[in-house]
PDB file of N, CA and C in Angstrom:
ATOM      1  N   SER A   1     -27.167  12.947  52.424  1.00  0.00           N
ATOM      2  CA  SER A   1     -26.234  13.894  51.854  1.00  0.00           C
ATOM      3  C   SER A   1     -26.460  13.968  50.345  1.00  0.00           C
ATOM      4  N   ASN A   2     -26.651  15.175  49.871  1.00  0.00           N
ATOM      5  CA  ASN A   2     -26.881  15.411  48.450  1.00  0.00           C
ATOM      6  C   ASN A   2     -25.588  15.902  47.805  1.00  0.00           C
ATOM      7  N   PHE A   3     -25.140  15.165  46.850  1.00  0.00           N
ATOM      8  CA  PHE A   3     -23.961  15.602  46.106  1.00  0.00           C
ATOM      9  C   PHE A   3     -24.056  15.039  44.686  1.00  0.00           C
ATOM     10  N   THR A   4     -23.373  15.696  43.790  1.00  0.00           N
ATOM     11  CA  THR A   4     -23.338  15.241  42.385  1.00  0.00           C
ATOM     12  C   THR A   4     -21.881  15.046  41.990  1.00  0.00           C
ATOM     13  N   ILE A   5     -21.698  14.069  41.149  1.00  0.00           N
ATOM     14  CA  ILE A   5     -20.349  13.789  40.639  1.00  0.00           C
ATOM     15  C   ILE A   5     -20.347  14.146  39.149  1.00  0.00           C
ATOM     16  N   SER A   6     -19.453  15.026  38.809  1.00  0.00           N
ATOM     17  CA  SER A   6     -19.327  15.362  37.385  1.00  0.00           C
ATOM     18  C   SER A   6     -18.079  14.655  36.844  1.00  0.00           C
ATOM     19  N   GLU A   7     -18.193  14.216  35.638  1.00  0.00           N
ATOM     20  CA  GLU A   7     -17.075  13.509  35.026  1.00  0.00           C
ATOM     21  C   GLU A   7     -16.791  14.066  33.633  1.00  0.00           C
ATOM     22  N   PRO A   8     -16.178  15.247  33.575  1.00  0.00           N
ATOM     23  CA  PRO A   8     -15.919  15.851  32.261  1.00  0.00           C
ATOM     24  C   PRO A   8     -14.903  15.039  31.442  1.00  0.00           C
ATOM     25  N   LEU A   9     -13.982  14.388  32.108  1.00  0.00           N
ATOM     26  CA  LEU A   9     -12.997  13.598  31.364  1.00  0.00           C
ATOM     27  C   LEU A   9     -13.634  12.383  30.703  1.00  0.00           C
ATOM     28  N   ALA A  10     -14.598  11.761  31.363  1.00  0.00           N
ATOM     29  CA  ALA A  10     -15.265  10.600  30.771  1.00  0.00           C
ATOM     30  C   ALA A  10     -16.002  11.001  29.499  1.00  0.00           C
ATOM     31  N   ASN A  11     -16.672  12.148  29.530  1.00  0.00           N
ATOM     32  CA  ASN A  11     -17.353  12.625  28.318  1.00  0.00           C
ATOM     33  C   ASN A  11     -16.353  12.918  27.201  1.00  0.00           C
ATOM     34  N   GLN A  12     -15.247  13.522  27.569  1.00  0.00           N
ATOM     35  CA  GLN A  12     -14.228  13.834  26.574  1.00  0.00           C
ATOM     36  C   GLN A  12     -13.632  12.558  25.982  1.00  0.00           C
ATOM     37  N   PHE A  13     -13.412  11.538  26.804  1.00  0.00           N
ATOM     38  CA  PHE A  13     -12.879  10.275  26.306  1.00  0.00           C
ATOM     39  C   PHE A  13     -13.871   9.585  25.369  1.00  0.00           C
ATOM     40  N   ARG A  14     -15.174   9.705  25.649  1.00  0.00           N
ATOM     41  CA  ARG A  14     -16.177   9.129  24.753  1.00  0.00           C
ATOM     42  C   ARG A  14     -16.131   9.816  23.388  1.00  0.00           C
ATOM     43  N   LEU A  15     -16.008  11.153  23.402  1.00  0.00           N
ATOM     44  CA  LEU A  15     -15.914  11.890  22.139  1.00  0.00           C
ATOM     45  C   LEU A  15     -14.635  11.536  21.395  1.00  0.00           C
ATOM     46  N   THR A  16     -13.558  11.375  22.133  1.00  0.00           N
ATOM     47  CA  THR A  16     -12.286  11.028  21.513  1.00  0.00           C
ATOM     48  C   THR A  16     -12.342   9.640  20.889  1.00  0.00           C
ATOM     49  N   SER A  17     -12.997   8.692  21.531  1.00  0.00           N
ATOM     50  CA  SER A  17     -13.079   7.351  20.963  1.00  0.00           C
ATOM     51  C   SER A  17     -13.929   7.343  19.695  1.00  0.00           C
ATOM     52  N   LYS A  18     -14.973   8.185  19.639  1.00  0.00           N
ATOM     53  CA  LYS A  18     -15.765   8.288  18.418  1.00  0.00           C
ATOM     54  C   LYS A  18     -14.928   8.873  17.291  1.00  0.00           C
ATOM     55  N   LEU A  19     -14.167   9.916  17.603  1.00  0.00           N
ATOM     56  CA  LEU A  19     -13.303  10.517  16.599  1.00  0.00           C
ATOM     57  C   LEU A  19     -12.237   9.527  16.137  1.00  0.00           C
ATOM     58  N   GLU A  20     -11.721   8.753  17.067  1.00  0.00           N
ATOM     59  CA  GLU A  20     -10.712   7.752  16.721  1.00  0.00           C
ATOM     60  C   GLU A  20     -11.280   6.704  15.766  1.00  0.00           C
ATOM     61  N   SER A  21     -12.491   6.255  16.008  1.00  0.00           N
ATOM     62  CA  SER A  21     -13.094   5.256  15.118  1.00  0.00           C
ATOM     63  C   SER A  21     -13.372   5.839  13.736  1.00  0.00           C
ATOM     64  N   ILE A  22     -13.766   7.104  13.669  1.00  0.00           N
ATOM     65  CA  ILE A  22     -13.989   7.750  12.373  1.00  0.00           C
ATOM     66  C   ILE A  22     -12.679   7.861  11.610  1.00  0.00           C
ATOM     67  N   LEU A  23     -11.624   8.321  12.284  1.00  0.00           N
ATOM     68  CA  LEU A  23     -10.325   8.438  11.627  1.00  0.00           C
ATOM     69  C   LEU A  23      -9.784   7.081  11.203  1.00  0.00           C
ATOM     70  N   GLU A  24      -9.978   6.069  12.032  1.00  0.00           N
ATOM     71  CA  GLU A  24      -9.522   4.722  11.706  1.00  0.00           C
ATOM     72  C   GLU A  24     -10.191   4.210  10.444  1.00  0.00           C
ATOM     73  N   SER A  25     -11.496   4.417  10.333  1.00  0.00           N
ATOM     74  CA  SER A  25     -12.203   3.951   9.141  1.00  0.00           C
ATOM     75  C   SER A  25     -11.768   4.733   7.904  1.00  0.00           C
ATOM     76  N   ASN A  26     -11.524   6.040   8.048  1.00  0.00           N
ATOM     77  CA  ASN A  26     -11.041   6.826   6.912  1.00  0.00           C
ATOM     78  C   ASN A  26      -9.659   6.378   6.466  1.00  0.00           C
ATOM     79  N   PHE A  27      -8.773   6.096   7.418  1.00  0.00           N
ATOM     80  CA  PHE A  27      -7.438   5.618   7.058  1.00  0.00           C
ATOM     81  C   PHE A  27      -7.516   4.263   6.372  1.00  0.00           C
ATOM     82  N   MET A  28      -8.417   3.398   6.830  1.00  0.00           N
ATOM     83  CA  MET A  28      -8.562   2.087   6.207  1.00  0.00           C
ATOM     84  C   MET A  28      -9.065   2.222   4.777  1.00  0.00           C
ATOM     85  N   ILE A  29      -9.993   3.145   4.551  1.00  0.00           N
ATOM     86  CA  ILE A  29     -10.486   3.385   3.193  1.00  0.00           C
ATOM     87  C   ILE A  29      -9.358   3.891   2.303  1.00  0.00           C
ATOM     88  N   CYS A  30      -8.537   4.791   2.827  1.00  0.00           N
ATOM     89  CA  CYS A  30      -7.398   5.301   2.052  1.00  0.00           C
ATOM     90  C   CYS A  30      -6.408   4.191   1.725  1.00  0.00           C
ATOM     91  N   ILE A  31      -6.132   3.326   2.685  1.00  0.00           N
ATOM     92  CA  ILE A  31      -5.191   2.229   2.454  1.00  0.00           C
ATOM     93  C   ILE A  31      -5.728   1.273   1.400  1.00  0.00           C
ATOM     94  N   ILE A  32      -7.010   0.940   1.478  1.00  0.00           N
ATOM     95  CA  ILE A  32      -7.613   0.051   0.481  1.00  0.00           C
ATOM     96  C   ILE A  32      -7.562   0.693  -0.909  1.00  0.00           C
ATOM     97  N   PHE A  33      -7.858   1.989  -0.977  1.00  0.00           N
ATOM     98  CA  PHE A  33      -7.789   2.700  -2.253  1.00  0.00           C
ATOM     99  C   PHE A  33      -6.370   2.689  -2.818  1.00  0.00           C
ATOM    100  N   LEU A  34      -5.369   2.902  -1.968  1.00  0.00           N
ATOM    101  CA  LEU A  34      -3.982   2.898  -2.443  1.00  0.00           C
ATOM    102  C   LEU A  34      -3.543   1.511  -2.886  1.00  0.00           C
ATOM    103  N   ILE A  35      -4.019   0.465  -2.221  1.00  0.00           N
ATOM    104  CA  ILE A  35      -3.694  -0.900  -2.644  1.00  0.00           C
ATOM    105  C   ILE A  35      -4.294  -1.190  -4.022  1.00  0.00           C
ATOM    106  N   ILE A  36      -5.538  -0.775  -4.225  1.00  0.00           N
ATOM    107  CA  ILE A  36      -6.177  -0.972  -5.531  1.00  0.00           C
ATOM    108  C   ILE A  36      -5.439  -0.179  -6.604  1.00  0.00           C
ATOM    109  N   LEU A  37      -5.051   1.045  -6.285  1.00  0.00           N
ATOM    110  CA  LEU A  37      -4.331   1.884  -7.236  1.00  0.00           C
ATOM    111  C   LEU A  37      -2.974   1.285  -7.590  1.00  0.00           C
ATOM    112  N   ALA A  38      -2.253   0.780  -6.592  1.00  0.00           N
ATOM    113  CA  ALA A  38      -0.955   0.170  -6.851  1.00  0.00           C
ATOM    114  C   ALA A  38      -1.102  -1.099  -7.680  1.00  0.00           C
ATOM    115  N   SER A  39      -2.139  -1.880  -7.407  1.00  0.00           N
ATOM    116  CA  SER A  39      -2.377  -3.094  -8.193  1.00  0.00           C
ATOM    117  C   SER A  39      -2.670  -2.749  -9.645  1.00  0.00           C
ATOM    118  N   MET A  40      -3.466  -1.714  -9.852  1.00  0.00           N
ATOM    119  CA  MET A  40      -3.764  -1.300 -11.225  1.00  0.00           C
ATOM    120  C   MET A  40      -2.513  -0.788 -11.936  1.00  0.00           C
ATOM    121  N   LEU A  41      -1.641  -0.118 -11.207  1.00  0.00           N
ATOM    122  CA  LEU A  41      -0.401   0.373 -11.803  1.00  0.00           C
ATOM    123  C   LEU A  41       0.497  -0.778 -12.224  1.00  0.00           C
ATOM    124  N   VAL A  42       0.666  -1.771 -11.357  1.00  0.00           N
ATOM    125  CA  VAL A  42       1.496  -2.921 -11.699  1.00  0.00           C
ATOM    126  C   VAL A  42       0.876  -3.676 -12.874  1.00  0.00           C
ATOM    127  N   PHE A  43      -0.447  -3.823 -12.870  1.00  0.00           N
ATOM    128  CA  PHE A  43      -1.119  -4.500 -13.977  1.00  0.00           C
ATOM    129  C   PHE A  43      -0.905  -3.761 -15.289  1.00  0.00           C
ATOM    130  N   SER A  44      -1.023  -2.430 -15.283  1.00  0.00           N
ATOM    131  CA  SER A  44      -0.833  -1.673 -16.528  1.00  0.00           C
ATOM    132  C   SER A  44       0.614  -1.728 -16.997  1.00  0.00           C
ATOM    133  N   LEU A  45       1.560  -1.723 -16.059  1.00  0.00           N
ATOM    134  CA  LEU A  45       2.965  -1.873 -16.448  1.00  0.00           C
ATOM    135  C   LEU A  45       3.221  -3.237 -17.075  1.00  0.00           C
ATOM    136  N   MET A  46       2.649  -4.272 -16.461  1.00  0.00           N
ATOM    137  CA  MET A  46       2.824  -5.613 -17.007  1.00  0.00           C
ATOM    138  C   MET A  46       2.142  -5.737 -18.370  1.00  0.00           C
ATOM    139  N   LEU A  47       0.968  -5.153 -18.516  1.00  0.00           N
ATOM    140  CA  LEU A  47       0.253  -5.229 -19.784  1.00  0.00           C
ATOM    141  C   LEU A  47       1.033  -4.533 -20.890  1.00  0.00           C
ATOM    142  N   SER A  48       1.587  -3.367 -20.584  1.00  0.00           N
ATOM    143  CA  SER A  48       2.375  -2.660 -21.599  1.00  0.00           C
ATOM    144  C   SER A  48       3.667  -3.401 -21.897  1.00  0.00           C
ATOM    145  N   ASP A  49       4.252  -4.043 -20.883  1.00  0.00           N
ATOM    146  CA  ASP A  49       5.480  -4.809 -21.111  1.00  0.00           C
ATOM    147  C   ASP A  49       5.209  -6.025 -21.988  1.00  0.00           C
ATOM    148  N   VAL A  50       4.146  -6.756 -21.690  1.00  0.00           N
ATOM    149  CA  VAL A  50       3.801  -7.935 -22.490  1.00  0.00           C
ATOM    150  C   VAL A  50       3.348  -7.512 -23.881  1.00  0.00           C
ATOM    151  N   ASP A  51       2.595  -6.418 -23.963  1.00  0.00           N
ATOM    152  CA  ASP A  51       2.123  -5.938 -25.260  1.00  0.00           C
ATOM    153  C   ASP A  51       3.298  -5.518 -26.140  1.00  0.00           C
ATOM    154  N   GLY A  52       4.300  -4.905 -25.531  1.00  0.00           N
ATOM    155  CA  GLY A  52       5.475  -4.472 -26.290  1.00  0.00           C
ATOM    156  C   GLY A  52       6.369  -5.617 -26.705  1.00  0.00           C
ATOM    157  N   LYS A  53       6.305  -6.707 -25.974  1.00  0.00           N
ATOM    158  CA  LYS A  53       7.200  -7.838 -26.264  1.00  0.00           C
ATOM    159  C   LYS A  53       6.453  -9.049 -26.816  1.00  0.00           C
ATOM    160  N   THR A  54       5.274  -8.845 -27.360  1.00  0.00           N
ATOM    161  CA  THR A  54       4.501  -9.960 -27.899  1.00  0.00           C
ATOM    162  C   THR A  54       5.255 -10.665 -29.019  1.00  0.00           C
ATOM    163  N   TYR A  55       5.896  -9.893 -29.868  1.00  0.00           N
ATOM    164  CA  TYR A  55       6.653 -10.482 -30.964  1.00  0.00           C
ATOM    165  C   TYR A  55       7.806 -11.339 -30.434  1.00  0.00           C
ATOM    166  N   GLU A  56       8.528 -10.818 -29.431  1.00  0.00           N
ATOM    167  CA  GLU A  56       9.648 -11.579 -28.873  1.00  0.00           C
ATOM    168  C   GLU A  56       9.174 -12.867 -28.209  1.00  0.00           C
ATOM    169  N   TYR A  57       8.044 -12.779 -27.479  1.00  0.00           N
ATOM    170  CA  TYR A  57       7.512 -13.981 -26.836  1.00  0.00           C
ATOM    171  C   TYR A  57       7.063 -14.998 -27.885  1.00  0.00           C
ATOM    172  N   GLY A  58       6.479 -14.522 -28.956  1.00  0.00           N
ATOM    173  CA  GLY A  58       6.081 -15.418 -30.041  1.00  0.00           C
ATOM    174  C   GLY A  58       7.280 -16.079 -30.694  1.00  0.00           C
ATOM    175  N   MET A  59       8.352 -15.326 -30.874  1.00  0.00           N
ATOM    176  CA  MET A  59       9.569 -15.899 -31.455  1.00  0.00           C
ATOM    177  C   MET A  59      10.188 -16.937 -30.520  1.00  0.00           C
ATOM    178  N   LEU A  60      10.167 -16.668 -29.223  1.00  0.00           N
ATOM    179  CA  LEU A  60      10.690 -17.648 -28.264  1.00  0.00           C
ATOM    180  C   LEU A  60       9.868 -18.933 -28.314  1.00  0.00           C
ATOM    181  N   ARG A  61       8.539 -18.800 -28.430  1.00  0.00           N
ATOM    182  CA  ARG A  61       7.686 -19.987 -28.522  1.00  0.00           C
ATOM    183  C   ARG A  61       7.954 -20.735 -29.826  1.00  0.00           C
ATOM    184  N   ALA A  62       8.178 -19.996 -30.916  1.00  0.00           N
ATOM    185  CA  ALA A  62       8.441 -20.637 -32.206  1.00  0.00           C
ATOM    186  C   ALA A  62       9.789 -21.356 -32.208  1.00  0.00           C
ATOM    187  N   LEU A  63      10.725 -20.857 -31.414  1.00  0.00           N
ATOM    188  CA  LEU A  63      12.046 -21.482 -31.329  1.00  0.00           C
ATOM    189  C   LEU A  63      12.082 -22.648 -30.355  1.00  0.00           C
ATOM    190  N   GLY A  64      10.947 -22.956 -29.721  1.00  0.00           N
ATOM    191  CA  GLY A  64      10.871 -24.121 -28.861  1.00  0.00           C
ATOM    192  C   GLY A  64      10.870 -23.820 -27.370  1.00  0.00           C
ATOM    193  N   PHE A  65      10.722 -22.566 -27.014  1.00  0.00           N
ATOM    194  CA  PHE A  65      10.654 -22.193 -25.605  1.00  0.00           C
ATOM    195  C   PHE A  65       9.339 -22.693 -25.039  1.00  0.00           C
ATOM    196  N   LYS A  66       9.384 -23.488 -23.999  1.00  0.00           N
ATOM    197  CA  LYS A  66       8.165 -24.090 -23.457  1.00  0.00           C
ATOM    198  C   LYS A  66       7.327 -23.044 -22.710  1.00  0.00           C
ATOM    199  N   LYS A  67       6.008 -23.269 -22.731  1.00  0.00           N
ATOM    200  CA  LYS A  67       5.071 -22.309 -22.144  1.00  0.00           C
ATOM    201  C   LYS A  67       5.316 -22.067 -20.654  1.00  0.00           C
ATOM    202  N   PRO A  68       5.581 -23.111 -19.818  1.00  0.00           N
ATOM    203  CA  PRO A  68       5.846 -22.825 -18.396  1.00  0.00           C
ATOM    204  C   PRO A  68       7.062 -21.931 -18.168  1.00  0.00           C
ATOM    205  N   TYR A  69       8.090 -22.080 -19.029  1.00  0.00           N
ATOM    206  CA  TYR A  69       9.262 -21.226 -18.890  1.00  0.00           C
ATOM    207  C   TYR A  69       8.936 -19.776 -19.264  1.00  0.00           C
ATOM    208  N   LEU A  70       8.086 -19.628 -20.266  1.00  0.00           N
ATOM    209  CA  LEU A  70       7.677 -18.281 -20.664  1.00  0.00           C
ATOM    210  C   LEU A  70       6.843 -17.618 -19.565  1.00  0.00           C
ATOM    211  N   VAL A  71       5.947 -18.403 -18.954  1.00  0.00           N
ATOM    212  CA  VAL A  71       5.138 -17.874 -17.853  1.00  0.00           C
ATOM    213  C   VAL A  71       6.030 -17.493 -16.675  1.00  0.00           C
ATOM    214  N   SER A  72       7.022 -18.331 -16.373  1.00  0.00           N
ATOM    215  CA  SER A  72       7.935 -17.999 -15.273  1.00  0.00           C
ATOM    216  C   SER A  72       8.759 -16.756 -15.593  1.00  0.00           C
ATOM    217  N   MET A  73       9.112 -16.575 -16.859  1.00  0.00           N
ATOM    218  CA  MET A  73       9.853 -15.373 -17.247  1.00  0.00           C
ATOM    219  C   MET A  73       8.998 -14.117 -17.054  1.00  0.00           C
ATOM    220  N   ILE A  74       7.720 -14.194 -17.415  1.00  0.00           N
ATOM    221  CA  ILE A  74       6.821 -13.054 -17.235  1.00  0.00           C
ATOM    222  C   ILE A  74       6.576 -12.807 -15.745  1.00  0.00           C
ATOM    223  N   THR A  75       6.492 -13.881 -14.948  1.00  0.00           N
ATOM    224  CA  THR A  75       6.306 -13.733 -13.497  1.00  0.00           C
ATOM    225  C   THR A  75       7.510 -13.053 -12.860  1.00  0.00           C
ATOM    226  N   ILE A  76       8.699 -13.467 -13.268  1.00  0.00           N
ATOM    227  CA  ILE A  76       9.916 -12.824 -12.739  1.00  0.00           C
ATOM    228  C   ILE A  76       9.945 -11.350 -13.142  1.00  0.00           C
ATOM    229  N   SER A  77       9.493 -11.064 -14.360  1.00  0.00           N
ATOM    230  CA  SER A  77       9.420  -9.668 -14.802  1.00  0.00           C
ATOM    231  C   SER A  77       8.445  -8.867 -13.942  1.00  0.00           C
ATOM    232  N   SER A  78       7.314  -9.484 -13.567  1.00  0.00           N
ATOM    233  CA  SER A  78       6.358  -8.773 -12.714  1.00  0.00           C
ATOM    234  C   SER A  78       6.927  -8.535 -11.324  1.00  0.00           C
ATOM    235  N   PHE A  79       7.705  -9.498 -10.815  1.00  0.00           N
ATOM    236  CA  PHE A  79       8.363  -9.272  -9.525  1.00  0.00           C
ATOM    237  C   PHE A  79       9.400  -8.168  -9.627  1.00  0.00           C
ATOM    238  N   SER A  80      10.027  -8.023 -10.778  1.00  0.00           N
ATOM    239  CA  SER A  80      11.000  -6.939 -10.935  1.00  0.00           C
ATOM    240  C   SER A  80      10.315  -5.574 -10.928  1.00  0.00           C
ATOM    241  N   PHE A  81       9.008  -5.544 -11.237  1.00  0.00           N
ATOM    242  CA  PHE A  81       8.260  -4.294 -11.110  1.00  0.00           C
ATOM    243  C   PHE A  81       7.772  -4.069  -9.685  1.00  0.00           C
ATOM    244  N   SER A  82       7.266  -5.124  -9.058  1.00  0.00           N
ATOM    245  CA  SER A  82       6.556  -4.936  -7.792  1.00  0.00           C
ATOM    246  C   SER A  82       7.469  -4.910  -6.567  1.00  0.00           C
ATOM    247  N   VAL A  83       8.492  -5.742  -6.528  1.00  0.00           N
ATOM    248  CA  VAL A  83       9.342  -5.812  -5.336  1.00  0.00           C
ATOM    249  C   VAL A  83      10.084  -4.496  -5.082  1.00  0.00           C
ATOM    250  N   PRO A  84      10.747  -3.897  -6.074  1.00  0.00           N
ATOM    251  CA  PRO A  84      11.379  -2.594  -5.788  1.00  0.00           C
ATOM    252  C   PRO A  84      10.379  -1.519  -5.380  1.00  0.00           C
ATOM    253  N   GLY A  85       9.179  -1.563  -5.943  1.00  0.00           N
ATOM    254  CA  GLY A  85       8.157  -0.594  -5.549  1.00  0.00           C
ATOM    255  C   GLY A  85       7.735  -0.773  -4.103  1.00  0.00           C
ATOM    256  N   CYS A  86       7.572  -2.031  -3.684  1.00  0.00           N
ATOM    257  CA  CYS A  86       7.199  -2.299  -2.287  1.00  0.00           C
ATOM    258  C   CYS A  86       8.318  -1.891  -1.332  1.00  0.00           C
ATOM    259  N   VAL A  87       9.541  -2.228  -1.686  1.00  0.00           N
ATOM    260  CA  VAL A  87      10.682  -1.871  -0.829  1.00  0.00           C
ATOM    261  C   VAL A  87      10.815  -0.350  -0.742  1.00  0.00           C
ATOM    262  N   GLY A  88      10.698   0.325  -1.873  1.00  0.00           N
ATOM    263  CA  GLY A  88      10.774   1.787  -1.870  1.00  0.00           C
ATOM    264  C   GLY A  88       9.645   2.412  -1.064  1.00  0.00           C
ATOM    265  N   GLY A  89       8.443   1.858  -1.193  1.00  0.00           N
ATOM    266  CA  GLY A  89       7.306   2.365  -0.426  1.00  0.00           C
ATOM    267  C   GLY A  89       7.489   2.181   1.068  1.00  0.00           C
ATOM    268  N   ILE A  90       8.037   1.033   1.466  1.00  0.00           N
ATOM    269  CA  ILE A  90       8.275   0.784   2.891  1.00  0.00           C
ATOM    270  C   ILE A  90       9.334   1.736   3.428  1.00  0.00           C
ATOM    271  N   ILE A  91      10.371   1.974   2.653  1.00  0.00           N
ATOM    272  CA  ILE A  91      11.429   2.895   3.093  1.00  0.00           C
ATOM    273  C   ILE A  91      10.886   4.314   3.229  1.00  0.00           C
ATOM    274  N   VAL A  92      10.096   4.755   2.248  1.00  0.00           N
ATOM    275  CA  VAL A  92       9.519   6.108   2.312  1.00  0.00           C
ATOM    276  C   VAL A  92       8.551   6.219   3.488  1.00  0.00           C
ATOM    277  N   ALA A  93       7.713   5.188   3.696  1.00  0.00           N
ATOM    278  CA  ALA A  93       6.753   5.226   4.801  1.00  0.00           C
ATOM    279  C   ALA A  93       7.468   5.234   6.151  1.00  0.00           C
ATOM    280  N   PHE A  94       8.543   4.451   6.273  1.00  0.00           N
ATOM    281  CA  PHE A  94       9.294   4.409   7.526  1.00  0.00           C
ATOM    282  C   PHE A  94       9.946   5.753   7.820  1.00  0.00           C
ATOM    283  N   SER A  95      10.559   6.361   6.801  1.00  0.00           N
ATOM    284  CA  SER A  95      11.205   7.653   7.030  1.00  0.00           C
ATOM    285  C   SER A  95      10.179   8.758   7.294  1.00  0.00           C
ATOM    286  N   MET A  96       9.023   8.719   6.612  1.00  0.00           N
ATOM    287  CA  MET A  96       7.973   9.702   6.898  1.00  0.00           C
ATOM    288  C   MET A  96       7.436   9.521   8.312  1.00  0.00           C
ATOM    289  N   ASN A  97       7.314   8.263   8.747  1.00  0.00           N
ATOM    290  CA  ASN A  97       6.849   7.985  10.100  1.00  0.00           C
ATOM    291  C   ASN A  97       7.817   8.574  11.129  1.00  0.00           C
ATOM    292  N   ILE A  98       9.100   8.400  10.906  1.00  0.00           N
ATOM    293  CA  ILE A  98      10.098   8.954  11.834  1.00  0.00           C
ATOM    294  C   ILE A  98      10.020  10.477  11.854  1.00  0.00           C
ATOM    295  N   LEU A  99       9.935  11.095  10.675  1.00  0.00           N
ATOM    296  CA  LEU A  99       9.877  12.561  10.614  1.00  0.00           C
ATOM    297  C   LEU A  99       8.610  13.107  11.269  1.00  0.00           C
ATOM    298  N   LEU A 100       7.479  12.464  11.017  1.00  0.00           N
ATOM    299  CA  LEU A 100       6.234  12.948  11.617  1.00  0.00           C
ATOM    300  C   LEU A 100       6.206  12.741  13.125  1.00  0.00           C
ATOM    301  N   ARG A 101       6.787  11.631  13.581  1.00  0.00           N
ATOM    302  CA  ARG A 101       6.863  11.437  15.043  1.00  0.00           C
ATOM    303  C   ARG A 101       7.711  12.509  15.691  1.00  0.00           C
ATOM    304  N   GLU A 102       8.818  12.862  15.049  1.00  0.00           N
ATOM    305  CA  GLU A 102       9.671  13.917  15.595  1.00  0.00           C
ATOM    306  C   GLU A 102       8.924  15.256  15.592  1.00  0.00           C
ATOM    307  N   ALA A 103       8.167  15.520  14.530  1.00  0.00           N
ATOM    308  CA  ALA A 103       7.464  16.795  14.444  1.00  0.00           C
ATOM    309  C   ALA A 103       6.300  16.861  15.429  1.00  0.00           C
ATOM    310  N   ILE A 104       5.604  15.753  15.625  1.00  0.00           N
ATOM    311  CA  ILE A 104       4.427  15.767  16.498  1.00  0.00           C
ATOM    312  C   ILE A 104       4.815  15.697  17.963  1.00  0.00           C
ATOM    313  N   PHE A 105       5.714  14.788  18.281  1.00  0.00           N
ATOM    314  CA  PHE A 105       6.031  14.546  19.683  1.00  0.00           C
ATOM    315  C   PHE A 105       7.336  15.200  20.142  1.00  0.00           C
ATOM    316  N   MET A 106       7.740  16.257  19.437  1.00  0.00           N
ATOM    317  CA  MET A 106       8.967  16.947  19.791  1.00  0.00           C
ATOM    318  C   MET A 106       8.785  17.644  21.136  1.00  0.00           C
ATOM    319  N   GLU A 107       9.729  17.446  21.981  1.00  0.00           N
ATOM    320  CA  GLU A 107       9.625  18.030  23.320  1.00  0.00           C
ATOM    321  C   GLU A 107      10.089  19.474  23.272  1.00  0.00           C
ATOM    322  N   ALA A 108       9.330  20.322  23.913  1.00  0.00           N
ATOM    323  CA  ALA A 108       9.646  21.755  23.895  1.00  0.00           C
ATOM    324  C   ALA A 108      10.643  22.109  24.987  1.00  0.00           C
TER     325      ALA A 108
END
């Protein structure tokens, strides 16, 4: 008996998996780029903050403020920049995720 089996869905799934891997790699590149960009932003904010307060930090050191306490003060200041940004980013990403899911998977 001569017969042929065609599998159009298998071919389509192979193409879909290739597209999925391409999109996955592009999203990963975007995420890495955004992490680098956010790190540079926090660094520039910290640099401008320390640069603007160099005189105050010098006066604190001259008045007997110990170096570890000064470092901890600058670290707490950096957390005051980064933690609200991370929390705000997570909230925005979560709400965008909900809105996009509703828009994409909305039942007709």
